[in-house]
Amino acid sequence: MDTLSPTDELQSLRAEIDAIDNELWQLIARRMDVSRHIGEYKRQNGIRPLQPARYEQILTRRLQWAQTQGISAETVRAIMEAIHTESVRIQL
């Protein structure tokens, strides 16, 4: 029977966090690439980069999801604000 020492278990959990973080950053980069394409589309079609109704729709969905996951609304709001700010910057 293989049992991990507390130190080994902690290292294993940290390695898992590192792998998840890598996946998150890859997804964020992919999202920003899509934002770049959206910005190009908006420029070509005379659409304003900032769409407040769309942002509110996304934020509402994420806040509802967070509630079901036990994640604070403040945390989700801060993360979404940072992502949205960068998306708009890229679109400009």
C-alpha atoms as a PDB file:
ATOM      1  CA  MET A   1       0.000   0.000   0.000  1.00  0.00           C
ATOM      2  CA  ASP A   2       1.476   3.296  -1.106  1.00  0.00           C
ATOM      3  CA  THR A   3       0.722   6.149   1.225  1.00  0.00           C
ATOM      4  CA  LEU A   4       2.129   9.567   0.740  1.00  0.00           C
ATOM      5  CA  SER A   5       3.807  11.453   3.523  1.00  0.00           C
ATOM      6  CA  PRO A   6       2.186  14.797   4.344  1.00  0.00           C
ATOM      7  CA  THR A   7       5.034  16.551   2.516  1.00  0.00           C
ATOM      8  CA  ASP A   8       4.658  14.347  -0.566  1.00  0.00           C
ATOM      9  CA  GLU A   9       0.902  14.847  -0.545  1.00  0.00           C
ATOM     10  CA  LEU A  10       1.334  18.614  -0.357  1.00  0.00           C
ATOM     11  CA  GLN A  11       3.812  18.540  -3.243  1.00  0.00           C
ATOM     12  CA  SER A  12       1.405  16.420  -5.267  1.00  0.00           C
ATOM     13  CA  LEU A  13      -1.458  18.829  -4.605  1.00  0.00           C
ATOM     14  CA  ARG A  14       0.728  21.793  -5.522  1.00  0.00           C
ATOM     15  CA  ALA A  15       1.723  20.076  -8.766  1.00  0.00           C
ATOM     16  CA  GLU A  16      -1.971  19.632  -9.521  1.00  0.00           C
ATOM     17  CA  ILE A  17      -2.579  23.346  -8.857  1.00  0.00           C
ATOM     18  CA  ASP A  18       0.313  24.198 -11.195  1.00  0.00           C
ATOM     19  CA  ALA A  19      -1.174  22.041 -13.953  1.00  0.00           C
ATOM     20  CA  ILE A  20      -4.600  23.625 -13.493  1.00  0.00           C
ATOM     21  CA  ASP A  21      -3.053  27.111 -13.557  1.00  0.00           C
ATOM     22  CA  ASN A  22      -1.338  26.263 -16.845  1.00  0.00           C
ATOM     23  CA  GLU A  23      -4.684  25.202 -18.303  1.00  0.00           C
ATOM     24  CA  LEU A  24      -6.342  28.383 -17.018  1.00  0.00           C
ATOM     25  CA  TRP A  25      -3.708  30.613 -18.631  1.00  0.00           C
ATOM     26  CA  GLN A  26      -4.016  28.737 -21.914  1.00  0.00           C
ATOM     27  CA  LEU A  27      -7.778  29.281 -21.831  1.00  0.00           C
ATOM     28  CA  ILE A  28      -7.362  32.959 -20.970  1.00  0.00           C
ATOM     29  CA  ALA A  29      -4.942  33.370 -23.899  1.00  0.00           C
ATOM     30  CA  ARG A  30      -7.455  31.640 -26.164  1.00  0.00           C
ATOM     31  CA  ARG A  31     -10.224  33.918 -24.901  1.00  0.00           C
ATOM     32  CA  MET A  32      -8.094  36.993 -25.618  1.00  0.00           C
ATOM     33  CA  ASP A  33      -7.412  35.710 -29.132  1.00  0.00           C
ATOM     34  CA  VAL A  34     -11.168  35.452 -29.714  1.00  0.00           C
ATOM     35  CA  SER A  35     -11.538  38.977 -28.285  1.00  0.00           C
ATOM     36  CA  ARG A  36      -8.977  40.172 -30.826  1.00  0.00           C
ATOM     37  CA  HIS A  37     -11.092  38.668 -33.636  1.00  0.00           C
ATOM     38  CA  ILE A  38     -14.227  40.239 -32.182  1.00  0.00           C
ATOM     39  CA  GLY A  39     -12.457  43.610 -32.134  1.00  0.00           C
ATOM     40  CA  GLU A  40     -11.560  43.242 -35.802  1.00  0.00           C
ATOM     41  CA  TYR A  41     -15.152  42.337 -36.643  1.00  0.00           C
ATOM     42  CA  LYS A  42     -16.488  45.305 -34.684  1.00  0.00           C
ATOM     43  CA  ARG A  43     -14.075  47.718 -36.402  1.00  0.00           C
ATOM     44  CA  GLN A  44     -15.025  46.419 -39.840  1.00  0.00           C
ATOM     45  CA  ASN A  45     -18.722  46.736 -39.051  1.00  0.00           C
ATOM     46  CA  GLY A  46     -18.764  50.013 -37.139  1.00  0.00           C
ATOM     47  CA  ILE A  47     -19.726  48.435 -33.806  1.00  0.00           C
ATOM     48  CA  ARG A  48     -18.574  50.034 -30.557  1.00  0.00           C
ATOM     49  CA  PRO A  49     -15.994  47.936 -28.672  1.00  0.00           C
ATOM     50  CA  LEU A  50     -17.751  48.314 -25.333  1.00  0.00           C
ATOM     51  CA  GLN A  51     -21.110  46.525 -25.140  1.00  0.00           C
ATOM     52  CA  PRO A  52     -22.407  47.041 -21.557  1.00  0.00           C
ATOM     53  CA  ALA A  53     -25.488  44.845 -21.989  1.00  0.00           C
ATOM     54  CA  ARG A  54     -23.351  41.912 -23.145  1.00  0.00           C
ATOM     55  CA  TYR A  55     -20.986  42.332 -20.203  1.00  0.00           C
ATOM     56  CA  GLU A  56     -23.887  42.420 -17.747  1.00  0.00           C
ATOM     57  CA  GLN A  57     -25.293  39.246 -19.314  1.00  0.00           C
ATOM     58  CA  ILE A  58     -21.963  37.437 -18.926  1.00  0.00           C
ATOM     59  CA  LEU A  59     -21.445  38.733 -15.388  1.00  0.00           C
ATOM     60  CA  THR A  60     -24.927  37.677 -14.297  1.00  0.00           C
ATOM     61  CA  ARG A  61     -24.372  34.134 -15.590  1.00  0.00           C
ATOM     62  CA  ARG A  62     -20.982  33.884 -13.897  1.00  0.00           C
ATOM     63  CA  LEU A  63     -22.357  35.186 -10.589  1.00  0.00           C
ATOM     64  CA  GLN A  64     -25.172  32.637 -10.691  1.00  0.00           C
ATOM     65  CA  TRP A  65     -22.662  29.880 -11.411  1.00  0.00           C
ATOM     66  CA  ALA A  66     -20.375  31.046  -8.593  1.00  0.00           C
ATOM     67  CA  GLN A  67     -23.216  30.835  -6.113  1.00  0.00           C
ATOM     68  CA  THR A  68     -23.738  27.156  -6.978  1.00  0.00           C
ATOM     69  CA  GLN A  69     -19.990  26.521  -6.534  1.00  0.00           C
ATOM     70  CA  GLY A  70     -19.587  28.308  -3.211  1.00  0.00           C
ATOM     71  CA  ILE A  71     -17.335  30.984  -4.722  1.00  0.00           C
ATOM     72  CA  SER A  72     -17.829  34.528  -3.496  1.00  0.00           C
ATOM     73  CA  ALA A  73     -19.538  37.022  -5.766  1.00  0.00           C
ATOM     74  CA  GLU A  74     -16.773  39.541  -5.019  1.00  0.00           C
ATOM     75  CA  THR A  75     -14.107  37.141  -6.293  1.00  0.00           C
ATOM     76  CA  VAL A  76     -16.012  36.351  -9.474  1.00  0.00           C
ATOM     77  CA  ARG A  77     -16.763  40.028 -10.061  1.00  0.00           C
ATOM     78  CA  ALA A  78     -13.064  40.943  -9.666  1.00  0.00           C
ATOM     79  CA  ILE A  79     -11.909  38.168 -12.012  1.00  0.00           C
ATOM     80  CA  MET A  80     -14.534  39.010 -14.633  1.00  0.00           C
ATOM     81  CA  GLU A  81     -13.720  42.726 -14.416  1.00  0.00           C
ATOM     82  CA  ALA A  82     -10.035  42.000 -15.054  1.00  0.00           C
ATOM     83  CA  ILE A  83     -10.846  39.705 -17.974  1.00  0.00           C
ATOM     84  CA  HIS A  84     -13.330  42.197 -19.423  1.00  0.00           C
ATOM     85  CA  THR A  85     -10.929  45.115 -19.088  1.00  0.00           C
ATOM     86  CA  GLU A  86      -8.222  43.205 -20.944  1.00  0.00           C
ATOM     87  CA  SER A  87     -10.696  42.026 -23.604  1.00  0.00           C
ATOM     88  CA  VAL A  88     -11.801  45.595 -24.295  1.00  0.00           C
ATOM     89  CA  ARG A  89      -8.166  46.759 -24.396  1.00  0.00           C
ATOM     90  CA  ILE A  90      -7.390  44.081 -26.963  1.00  0.00           C
ATOM     91  CA  GLN A  91     -10.449  44.987 -29.020  1.00  0.00           C
ATOM     92  CA  LEU A  92      -9.342  48.619 -29.146  1.00  0.00           C
END
